[in-house]
């Protein structure tokens, strides 16, 4: 069980790893609409996990990481992602559903790296990405009614102990 959890953690970490300065493993611009009919082809890269597993487990985990990376790149190609830049960092968020993708080719390298080419037939432009609606405009603070005179603690306790329906009503000034 622990090995499976560690393997799934390595799966997500390996699928998103790229070296600084290297171009991304996909050849498209995020949030670019897909015109008409055609085929989208993306590449996902998986790196071998650093945990101590058998060679067969490492190969399977690396291949799965490449497939997950390809799905992520495919969702980006369909315009289902958005980038946020702030504080010198870039964040990428994805929200979408990909169906009908097929693995076109899998390449294994001597260093343990795996690349998976994935294709998706597109018959119509994708729908707009799921973006939360903007927050409502801020309302100015409402004026708080205050009493004209101060009351003693004894008066306050008498008012507080009364049932709510019997409490005196404060007249509100019209704005």
N, C-alpha and C. Protein backbone atom coordinates (compact mmCIF):
# COMPACT_ATOMS: atom_id res chain seq x y z
N UNK A 1 0.83 -1.20 0.00
CA UNK A 1 0.00 0.00 0.00
C UNK A 1 0.87 1.25 0.00
N UNK A 2 1.91 1.25 0.84
CA UNK A 2 2.81 2.41 0.91
C UNK A 2 3.53 2.59 -0.41
N UNK A 3 3.95 1.48 -1.02
CA UNK A 3 4.65 1.57 -2.31
C UNK A 3 3.72 2.12 -3.38
N UNK A 4 2.44 1.75 -3.33
CA UNK A 4 1.49 2.26 -4.32
C UNK A 4 1.28 3.76 -4.15
N UNK A 5 1.18 4.22 -2.90
CA UNK A 5 1.02 5.66 -2.66
C UNK A 5 2.27 6.42 -3.09
N UNK A 6 3.42 5.88 -2.78
CA UNK A 6 4.66 6.55 -3.19
C UNK A 6 4.78 6.56 -4.70
N UNK A 7 4.33 5.49 -5.34
CA UNK A 7 4.38 5.43 -6.80
C UNK A 7 3.45 6.44 -7.44
N UNK A 8 2.25 6.61 -6.87
CA UNK A 8 1.34 7.60 -7.45
C UNK A 8 1.84 9.01 -7.22
N UNK A 9 2.51 9.26 -6.08
CA UNK A 9 3.09 10.59 -5.85
C UNK A 9 4.21 10.84 -6.85
N UNK A 10 5.03 9.83 -7.10
CA UNK A 10 6.12 9.99 -8.07
C UNK A 10 5.56 10.17 -9.48
N UNK A 11 4.42 9.56 -9.75
CA UNK A 11 3.78 9.68 -11.06
C UNK A 11 3.47 11.13 -11.38
N UNK A 12 2.87 11.83 -10.44
CA UNK A 12 2.51 13.22 -10.70
C UNK A 12 3.73 14.12 -10.70
N UNK A 13 4.71 13.82 -9.86
CA UNK A 13 5.91 14.64 -9.82
C UNK A 13 6.74 14.46 -11.08
N UNK A 14 6.84 13.25 -11.56
CA UNK A 14 7.66 13.00 -12.75
C UNK A 14 7.01 13.55 -14.00
N UNK A 15 5.69 13.52 -14.09
CA UNK A 15 5.02 13.99 -15.28
C UNK A 15 5.15 15.48 -15.49
N UNK A 16 5.42 16.25 -14.44
CA UNK A 16 5.45 17.70 -14.57
C UNK A 16 6.86 18.27 -14.52
N UNK A 17 7.86 17.41 -14.61
CA UNK A 17 9.24 17.88 -14.45
C UNK A 17 9.82 18.29 -15.79
N UNK A 18 10.36 19.51 -15.85
CA UNK A 18 11.12 19.96 -17.02
C UNK A 18 12.32 20.72 -16.51
N UNK A 19 13.39 20.73 -17.28
CA UNK A 19 14.59 21.45 -16.89
C UNK A 19 14.42 22.93 -17.23
N UNK A 20 15.09 23.78 -16.46
CA UNK A 20 15.02 25.22 -16.70
C UNK A 20 15.61 25.53 -18.06
N UNK A 21 14.93 26.35 -18.83
CA UNK A 21 15.42 26.75 -20.15
C UNK A 21 15.00 25.83 -21.27
N UNK A 22 14.54 24.61 -20.96
CA UNK A 22 14.09 23.69 -22.00
C UNK A 22 12.72 24.13 -22.50
N UNK A 23 12.46 23.99 -23.80
CA UNK A 23 11.11 24.30 -24.29
C UNK A 23 10.14 23.24 -23.78
N UNK A 24 8.87 23.59 -23.62
CA UNK A 24 7.92 22.59 -23.16
C UNK A 24 7.80 21.46 -24.17
N UNK A 25 7.42 20.25 -23.72
CA UNK A 25 7.37 19.10 -24.62
C UNK A 25 6.17 19.11 -25.55
N UNK A 26 5.44 20.19 -25.64
CA UNK A 26 4.31 20.26 -26.54
C UNK A 26 4.51 21.42 -27.51
N UNK A 27 3.93 21.31 -28.67
CA UNK A 27 4.15 22.30 -29.73
C UNK A 27 2.86 23.07 -30.01
N UNK A 28 2.33 23.75 -29.02
CA UNK A 28 1.13 24.56 -29.21
C UNK A 28 1.17 25.71 -28.24
N UNK A 29 0.31 26.66 -28.44
CA UNK A 29 0.18 27.79 -27.52
C UNK A 29 -1.06 27.55 -26.67
N UNK A 30 -0.96 27.63 -25.33
CA UNK A 30 -2.13 27.43 -24.49
C UNK A 30 -3.23 28.44 -24.82
N UNK A 31 -4.46 28.01 -24.67
CA UNK A 31 -5.65 28.83 -24.89
C UNK A 31 -5.80 29.28 -26.34
N UNK A 32 -5.21 28.55 -27.29
CA UNK A 32 -5.40 28.85 -28.70
C UNK A 32 -6.58 28.03 -29.20
N UNK A 33 -7.59 28.66 -29.80
CA UNK A 33 -8.73 27.88 -30.27
C UNK A 33 -8.33 26.91 -31.38
N UNK A 34 -8.99 25.77 -31.43
CA UNK A 34 -8.72 24.76 -32.44
C UNK A 34 -9.69 24.99 -33.59
N UNK A 35 -9.21 25.27 -34.81
CA UNK A 35 -10.12 25.56 -35.92
C UNK A 35 -10.71 24.30 -36.53
N UNK A 36 -12.02 24.32 -36.78
CA UNK A 36 -12.71 23.28 -37.54
C UNK A 36 -12.35 21.85 -37.22
N UNK A 37 -12.21 21.05 -38.30
CA UNK A 37 -11.88 19.63 -38.14
C UNK A 37 -10.37 19.45 -38.20
N UNK A 38 -9.91 18.42 -37.56
CA UNK A 38 -8.49 18.13 -37.61
C UNK A 38 -8.07 17.18 -36.50
N UNK A 39 -6.77 17.05 -36.36
CA UNK A 39 -6.19 16.18 -35.34
C UNK A 39 -5.21 16.99 -34.51
N UNK A 40 -5.31 16.86 -33.21
CA UNK A 40 -4.36 17.49 -32.31
C UNK A 40 -3.38 16.41 -31.88
N UNK A 41 -2.09 16.70 -31.96
CA UNK A 41 -1.06 15.74 -31.56
C UNK A 41 -0.19 16.41 -30.50
N UNK A 42 -0.05 15.77 -29.35
CA UNK A 42 0.77 16.30 -28.26
C UNK A 42 1.72 15.21 -27.78
N UNK A 43 2.74 15.64 -27.05
CA UNK A 43 3.73 14.71 -26.49
C UNK A 43 3.78 14.88 -24.99
N UNK A 44 3.82 13.77 -24.28
CA UNK A 44 3.99 13.77 -22.84
C UNK A 44 5.30 13.09 -22.48
N UNK A 45 5.98 13.63 -21.48
CA UNK A 45 7.28 13.10 -21.07
C UNK A 45 7.17 12.59 -19.65
N UNK A 46 7.70 11.39 -19.41
CA UNK A 46 7.75 10.82 -18.07
C UNK A 46 9.17 10.48 -17.69
N UNK A 47 9.54 10.81 -16.47
CA UNK A 47 10.88 10.51 -15.96
C UNK A 47 10.79 9.38 -14.95
N UNK A 48 11.83 8.55 -14.83
CA UNK A 48 11.76 7.43 -13.88
C UNK A 48 11.70 7.94 -12.45
N UNK A 49 10.96 7.24 -11.58
CA UNK A 49 10.86 7.67 -10.19
C UNK A 49 12.17 7.46 -9.44
N UNK A 50 12.34 8.21 -8.38
CA UNK A 50 13.55 8.10 -7.57
C UNK A 50 13.41 7.09 -6.45
N UNK A 51 12.21 6.56 -6.27
CA UNK A 51 12.02 5.59 -5.20
C UNK A 51 12.62 4.25 -5.63
N UNK A 52 12.90 3.41 -4.65
CA UNK A 52 13.50 2.11 -4.94
C UNK A 52 12.38 1.12 -5.26
N UNK A 53 12.21 0.85 -6.52
CA UNK A 53 11.23 -0.12 -6.99
C UNK A 53 11.92 -1.03 -7.99
N UNK A 54 11.24 -2.09 -8.36
CA UNK A 54 11.83 -2.97 -9.36
C UNK A 54 11.86 -2.23 -10.70
N UNK A 55 12.66 -2.71 -11.62
CA UNK A 55 12.79 -2.07 -12.93
C UNK A 55 11.45 -2.08 -13.67
N UNK A 56 10.70 -3.17 -13.53
CA UNK A 56 9.39 -3.25 -14.19
C UNK A 56 8.43 -2.20 -13.64
N UNK A 57 8.43 -2.03 -12.30
CA UNK A 57 7.57 -1.01 -11.69
C UNK A 57 7.98 0.38 -12.14
N UNK A 58 9.29 0.63 -12.20
CA UNK A 58 9.76 1.94 -12.65
C UNK A 58 9.33 2.22 -14.08
N UNK A 59 9.42 1.22 -14.96
CA UNK A 59 9.01 1.40 -16.35
C UNK A 59 7.52 1.72 -16.45
N UNK A 60 6.69 0.98 -15.70
CA UNK A 60 5.25 1.22 -15.73
C UNK A 60 4.90 2.60 -15.18
N UNK A 61 5.56 2.98 -14.08
CA UNK A 61 5.29 4.29 -13.49
C UNK A 61 5.73 5.42 -14.41
N UNK A 62 6.86 5.24 -15.07
CA UNK A 62 7.35 6.26 -16.00
C UNK A 62 6.42 6.39 -17.19
N UNK A 63 5.95 5.26 -17.71
CA UNK A 63 5.03 5.31 -18.84
C UNK A 63 3.71 5.98 -18.44
N UNK A 64 3.22 5.68 -17.25
CA UNK A 64 1.98 6.30 -16.78
C UNK A 64 2.16 7.80 -16.58
N UNK A 65 3.33 8.21 -16.09
CA UNK A 65 3.60 9.64 -15.93
C UNK A 65 3.60 10.34 -17.29
N UNK A 66 4.13 9.69 -18.31
CA UNK A 66 4.13 10.27 -19.65
C UNK A 66 2.71 10.39 -20.20
N UNK A 67 1.87 9.40 -19.93
CA UNK A 67 0.48 9.45 -20.39
C UNK A 67 -0.27 10.59 -19.68
N UNK A 68 -0.06 10.74 -18.37
CA UNK A 68 -0.71 11.84 -17.63
C UNK A 68 -0.23 13.18 -18.16
N UNK A 69 1.06 13.29 -18.44
CA UNK A 69 1.61 14.53 -18.99
C UNK A 69 1.00 14.83 -20.36
N UNK A 70 0.80 13.80 -21.18
CA UNK A 70 0.19 13.99 -22.49
C UNK A 70 -1.26 14.45 -22.36
N UNK A 71 -2.01 13.87 -21.42
CA UNK A 71 -3.39 14.32 -21.19
C UNK A 71 -3.40 15.78 -20.75
N UNK A 72 -2.48 16.15 -19.86
CA UNK A 72 -2.39 17.55 -19.41
C UNK A 72 -2.12 18.47 -20.59
N UNK A 73 -1.18 18.09 -21.45
CA UNK A 73 -0.85 18.91 -22.62
C UNK A 73 -2.02 18.98 -23.60
N UNK A 74 -2.78 17.89 -23.70
CA UNK A 74 -3.94 17.88 -24.57
C UNK A 74 -5.03 18.82 -24.05
N UNK A 75 -5.24 18.82 -22.74
CA UNK A 75 -6.21 19.75 -22.16
C UNK A 75 -5.77 21.20 -22.38
N UNK A 76 -4.47 21.45 -22.30
CA UNK A 76 -3.97 22.79 -22.58
C UNK A 76 -4.19 23.16 -24.04
N UNK A 77 -3.99 22.21 -24.94
CA UNK A 77 -4.18 22.47 -26.36
C UNK A 77 -5.63 22.79 -26.68
N UNK A 78 -6.54 22.23 -25.92
CA UNK A 78 -7.97 22.49 -26.14
C UNK A 78 -8.42 23.78 -25.49
N UNK A 79 -7.51 24.49 -24.84
CA UNK A 79 -7.87 25.77 -24.23
C UNK A 79 -8.54 25.63 -22.90
N UNK A 80 -8.33 24.54 -22.18
CA UNK A 80 -8.98 24.34 -20.89
C UNK A 80 -8.09 24.74 -19.73
N UNK A 81 -7.01 25.44 -19.99
CA UNK A 81 -6.11 25.87 -18.93
C UNK A 81 -5.98 27.37 -18.91
N UNK A 82 -5.49 27.88 -17.80
CA UNK A 82 -5.23 29.31 -17.69
C UNK A 82 -3.96 29.50 -16.88
N UNK A 83 -3.19 30.52 -17.25
CA UNK A 83 -1.95 30.81 -16.55
C UNK A 83 -2.13 32.05 -15.70
N UNK A 84 -1.57 32.01 -14.50
CA UNK A 84 -1.59 33.15 -13.60
C UNK A 84 -0.15 33.48 -13.28
N UNK A 85 0.23 34.73 -13.46
CA UNK A 85 1.59 35.17 -13.17
C UNK A 85 1.52 36.15 -12.01
N UNK A 86 2.31 35.89 -10.98
CA UNK A 86 2.34 36.79 -9.84
C UNK A 86 3.49 36.46 -8.93
N UNK A 87 4.06 37.48 -8.34
CA UNK A 87 5.18 37.33 -7.40
C UNK A 87 6.34 36.58 -8.03
N UNK A 88 6.56 36.76 -9.31
CA UNK A 88 7.67 36.10 -9.98
C UNK A 88 7.44 34.63 -10.25
N UNK A 89 6.23 34.13 -10.04
CA UNK A 89 5.92 32.72 -10.26
C UNK A 89 4.81 32.60 -11.29
N UNK A 90 4.80 31.46 -11.98
CA UNK A 90 3.73 31.16 -12.93
C UNK A 90 2.97 29.96 -12.42
N UNK A 91 1.66 30.07 -12.41
CA UNK A 91 0.80 28.98 -11.98
C UNK A 91 -0.08 28.59 -13.16
N UNK A 92 -0.29 27.31 -13.33
CA UNK A 92 -1.12 26.81 -14.41
C UNK A 92 -2.25 26.01 -13.80
N UNK A 93 -3.47 26.36 -14.17
CA UNK A 93 -4.62 25.62 -13.66
C UNK A 93 -5.35 24.99 -14.84
N UNK A 94 -5.84 23.78 -14.62
CA UNK A 94 -6.58 23.04 -15.65
C UNK A 94 -7.92 22.62 -15.10
N UNK A 95 -8.92 22.72 -15.93
CA UNK A 95 -10.23 22.23 -15.57
C UNK A 95 -10.91 21.78 -16.85
N UNK A 96 -11.03 20.50 -17.05
CA UNK A 96 -11.64 20.03 -18.28
C UNK A 96 -11.78 18.53 -18.30
N UNK A 97 -12.30 18.04 -19.41
CA UNK A 97 -12.54 16.62 -19.59
C UNK A 97 -12.11 16.26 -21.01
N UNK A 98 -11.23 15.28 -21.14
CA UNK A 98 -10.73 14.85 -22.45
C UNK A 98 -11.22 13.43 -22.68
N UNK A 99 -11.88 13.22 -23.82
CA UNK A 99 -12.40 11.89 -24.15
C UNK A 99 -12.06 11.57 -25.60
N UNK A 100 -11.67 10.35 -25.86
CA UNK A 100 -11.39 9.91 -27.22
C UNK A 100 -9.95 10.05 -27.65
N UNK A 101 -9.05 10.37 -26.73
CA UNK A 101 -7.63 10.49 -27.07
C UNK A 101 -7.03 9.09 -27.24
N UNK A 102 -6.09 8.98 -28.18
CA UNK A 102 -5.44 7.69 -28.45
C UNK A 102 -3.93 7.87 -28.42
N UNK A 103 -3.25 6.87 -27.89
CA UNK A 103 -1.79 6.89 -27.87
C UNK A 103 -1.30 6.49 -29.26
N UNK A 104 -0.56 7.39 -29.91
CA UNK A 104 -0.08 7.13 -31.26
C UNK A 104 1.26 6.42 -31.25
N UNK A 105 2.15 6.82 -30.35
CA UNK A 105 3.50 6.24 -30.33
C UNK A 105 4.07 6.38 -28.92
N UNK A 106 4.85 5.38 -28.52
CA UNK A 106 5.56 5.42 -27.24
C UNK A 106 7.04 5.19 -27.52
N UNK A 107 7.88 6.08 -26.99
CA UNK A 107 9.33 5.97 -27.20
C UNK A 107 10.01 5.79 -25.84
N UNK A 108 10.90 4.79 -25.77
CA UNK A 108 11.66 4.51 -24.56
C UNK A 108 13.11 4.91 -24.80
N UNK A 109 13.72 5.58 -23.84
CA UNK A 109 15.10 6.03 -23.97
C UNK A 109 15.99 5.29 -22.98
N UNK A 110 17.31 5.18 -23.27
CA UNK A 110 18.21 4.43 -22.39
C UNK A 110 18.30 4.99 -20.97
N UNK A 111 18.09 6.30 -20.80
CA UNK A 111 18.18 6.89 -19.46
C UNK A 111 16.94 6.63 -18.62
N UNK A 112 15.95 5.90 -19.17
CA UNK A 112 14.74 5.57 -18.43
C UNK A 112 13.57 6.48 -18.77
N UNK A 113 13.81 7.54 -19.50
CA UNK A 113 12.76 8.49 -19.87
C UNK A 113 11.84 7.86 -20.90
N UNK A 114 10.55 8.23 -20.86
CA UNK A 114 9.56 7.73 -21.80
C UNK A 114 8.81 8.93 -22.38
N UNK A 115 8.58 8.92 -23.69
CA UNK A 115 7.77 9.93 -24.35
C UNK A 115 6.57 9.25 -24.99
N UNK A 116 5.41 9.84 -24.83
CA UNK A 116 4.18 9.30 -25.39
C UNK A 116 3.57 10.37 -26.28
N UNK A 117 3.31 10.02 -27.55
CA UNK A 117 2.59 10.90 -28.47
C UNK A 117 1.12 10.50 -28.42
N UNK A 118 0.25 11.49 -28.23
CA UNK A 118 -1.17 11.24 -28.13
C UNK A 118 -1.90 12.09 -29.16
N UNK A 119 -2.93 11.53 -29.78
CA UNK A 119 -3.71 12.27 -30.77
C UNK A 119 -5.17 12.30 -30.36
N UNK A 120 -5.84 13.35 -30.83
CA UNK A 120 -7.27 13.50 -30.58
C UNK A 120 -7.90 14.09 -31.83
N UNK A 121 -8.90 13.40 -32.38
CA UNK A 121 -9.62 13.92 -33.55
C UNK A 121 -10.60 14.98 -33.07
N UNK A 122 -10.54 16.16 -33.69
CA UNK A 122 -11.40 17.27 -33.30
C UNK A 122 -12.36 17.55 -34.45
N UNK A 123 -13.66 17.48 -34.16
CA UNK A 123 -14.66 17.72 -35.18
C UNK A 123 -15.32 19.09 -35.05
N UNK A 124 -15.15 19.74 -33.92
CA UNK A 124 -15.73 21.06 -33.72
C UNK A 124 -14.87 21.81 -32.71
N UNK A 125 -14.97 23.12 -32.68
CA UNK A 125 -14.16 23.88 -31.72
C UNK A 125 -14.58 23.53 -30.29
N UNK A 126 -13.65 23.52 -29.37
CA UNK A 126 -13.99 23.22 -27.98
C UNK A 126 -14.80 24.35 -27.37
N UNK A 127 -15.51 23.99 -26.32
CA UNK A 127 -16.27 25.02 -25.61
C UNK A 127 -15.33 25.88 -24.79
N UNK A 128 -15.84 26.96 -24.30
CA UNK A 128 -15.02 27.87 -23.50
C UNK A 128 -14.58 27.17 -22.22
N UNK A 129 -13.40 27.50 -21.71
CA UNK A 129 -12.94 26.88 -20.47
C UNK A 129 -13.82 27.29 -19.30
N UNK A 130 -13.87 26.42 -18.31
CA UNK A 130 -14.67 26.72 -17.12
C UNK A 130 -13.96 27.76 -16.28
N UNK A 131 -14.52 28.95 -16.27
CA UNK A 131 -13.94 30.05 -15.49
C UNK A 131 -15.01 30.54 -14.54
N UNK A 132 -14.65 30.79 -13.32
CA UNK A 132 -15.59 31.28 -12.33
C UNK A 132 -16.06 32.68 -12.71
N UNK A 133 -17.34 32.99 -12.47
CA UNK A 133 -17.82 34.34 -12.78
C UNK A 133 -17.13 35.37 -11.89
N UNK A 134 -17.06 36.61 -12.36
CA UNK A 134 -16.40 37.63 -11.54
C UNK A 134 -17.19 37.88 -10.26
N UNK A 135 -16.52 38.29 -9.21
CA UNK A 135 -17.24 38.54 -7.95
C UNK A 135 -18.16 39.75 -8.11
N UNK A 136 -19.24 39.81 -7.33
CA UNK A 136 -20.14 40.95 -7.44
C UNK A 136 -19.43 42.22 -6.98
N UNK A 137 -19.88 43.38 -7.49
CA UNK A 137 -19.23 44.62 -7.07
C UNK A 137 -19.42 44.86 -5.58
N UNK A 138 -18.44 45.51 -5.00
CA UNK A 138 -18.50 45.77 -3.56
C UNK A 138 -19.53 46.85 -3.27
N UNK A 139 -20.31 46.61 -2.25
CA UNK A 139 -21.32 47.56 -1.83
C UNK A 139 -20.74 48.46 -0.75
N UNK A 140 -21.14 49.74 -0.73
CA UNK A 140 -20.64 50.61 0.35
C UNK A 140 -21.19 50.13 1.68
N UNK A 141 -20.46 50.34 2.76
CA UNK A 141 -20.94 49.87 4.06
C UNK A 141 -22.23 50.59 4.45
N UNK A 142 -23.11 49.85 5.12
CA UNK A 142 -24.37 50.44 5.56
C UNK A 142 -24.16 51.21 6.85
N UNK A 143 -24.96 52.24 7.01
CA UNK A 143 -24.86 53.06 8.20
C UNK A 143 -25.41 52.29 9.39
N UNK A 144 -24.69 52.29 10.48
CA UNK A 144 -25.10 51.59 11.69
C UNK A 144 -25.86 52.57 12.57
N UNK A 145 -27.03 52.14 12.99
CA UNK A 145 -27.85 53.00 13.84
C UNK A 145 -27.29 52.96 15.27
N UNK A 146 -27.13 54.10 15.83
CA UNK A 146 -26.67 54.19 17.22
C UNK A 146 -27.75 54.88 18.03
N UNK A 147 -27.77 54.58 19.31
CA UNK A 147 -28.74 55.23 20.18
C UNK A 147 -28.29 56.64 20.48
N UNK A 148 -29.29 57.49 20.70
CA UNK A 148 -29.00 58.90 20.96
C UNK A 148 -28.41 59.11 22.35
N UNK A 149 -28.72 58.23 23.28
CA UNK A 149 -28.20 58.39 24.64
C UNK A 149 -27.58 57.09 25.10
N UNK A 150 -26.72 57.21 26.06
CA UNK A 150 -26.13 56.02 26.64
C UNK A 150 -27.09 55.44 27.67
N UNK A 151 -27.07 54.10 27.78
CA UNK A 151 -27.93 53.47 28.77
C UNK A 151 -27.04 52.82 29.81
N UNK A 152 -27.59 52.66 30.96
CA UNK A 152 -26.83 52.05 32.05
C UNK A 152 -26.82 50.53 31.87
N UNK A 153 -25.96 49.90 32.62
CA UNK A 153 -25.87 48.44 32.55
C UNK A 153 -27.17 47.81 33.02
N UNK A 154 -27.79 48.40 34.02
CA UNK A 154 -29.04 47.87 34.55
C UNK A 154 -30.14 47.92 33.48
N UNK A 155 -30.24 49.05 32.76
CA UNK A 155 -31.23 49.16 31.68
C UNK A 155 -30.95 48.13 30.58
N UNK A 156 -29.69 47.98 30.24
CA UNK A 156 -29.32 47.04 29.18
C UNK A 156 -29.71 45.62 29.56
N UNK A 157 -29.46 45.22 30.82
CA UNK A 157 -29.81 43.88 31.27
C UNK A 157 -31.32 43.67 31.25
N UNK A 158 -32.08 44.71 31.60
CA UNK A 158 -33.54 44.59 31.55
C UNK A 158 -34.02 44.36 30.12
N UNK A 159 -33.43 45.11 29.18
CA UNK A 159 -33.82 44.94 27.78
C UNK A 159 -33.39 43.57 27.26
N UNK A 160 -32.22 43.14 27.65
CA UNK A 160 -31.67 41.87 27.16
C UNK A 160 -32.49 40.69 27.66
N UNK A 161 -33.01 40.77 28.88
CA UNK A 161 -33.74 39.65 29.47
C UNK A 161 -35.16 39.54 28.93
N UNK A 162 -35.65 40.56 28.28
CA UNK A 162 -36.99 40.51 27.71
C UNK A 162 -36.98 39.61 26.47
N UNK A 163 -38.11 38.98 26.16
CA UNK A 163 -38.19 38.25 24.90
C UNK A 163 -37.99 39.22 23.73
N UNK A 164 -37.49 38.73 22.63
CA UNK A 164 -37.16 39.59 21.49
C UNK A 164 -38.36 40.38 20.99
N UNK A 165 -39.53 39.74 20.99
CA UNK A 165 -40.70 40.45 20.47
C UNK A 165 -41.15 41.60 21.36
N UNK A 166 -40.77 41.59 22.64
CA UNK A 166 -41.17 42.66 23.56
C UNK A 166 -40.11 43.75 23.68
N UNK A 167 -38.98 43.60 23.05
CA UNK A 167 -37.94 44.61 23.16
C UNK A 167 -38.35 45.88 22.43
N UNK A 168 -37.90 47.02 22.91
CA UNK A 168 -38.25 48.27 22.22
C UNK A 168 -37.56 48.34 20.86
N UNK A 169 -38.30 48.83 19.86
CA UNK A 169 -37.77 48.96 18.51
C UNK A 169 -37.09 50.31 18.35
N UNK A 170 -35.96 50.28 17.70
CA UNK A 170 -35.23 51.51 17.43
C UNK A 170 -35.71 52.05 16.10
N UNK A 171 -36.08 53.32 16.06
CA UNK A 171 -36.53 53.92 14.81
C UNK A 171 -35.34 54.17 13.91
N UNK A 172 -35.47 53.74 12.66
CA UNK A 172 -34.38 53.92 11.71
C UNK A 172 -34.60 55.21 10.93
N UNK A 173 -33.55 55.97 10.79
CA UNK A 173 -33.64 57.20 10.02
C UNK A 173 -33.60 56.84 8.54
N UNK A 174 -34.37 57.55 7.76
CA UNK A 174 -34.35 57.33 6.32
C UNK A 174 -33.16 58.04 5.72
N UNK A 175 -32.50 57.38 4.79
CA UNK A 175 -31.32 57.97 4.15
C UNK A 175 -31.70 58.96 3.10
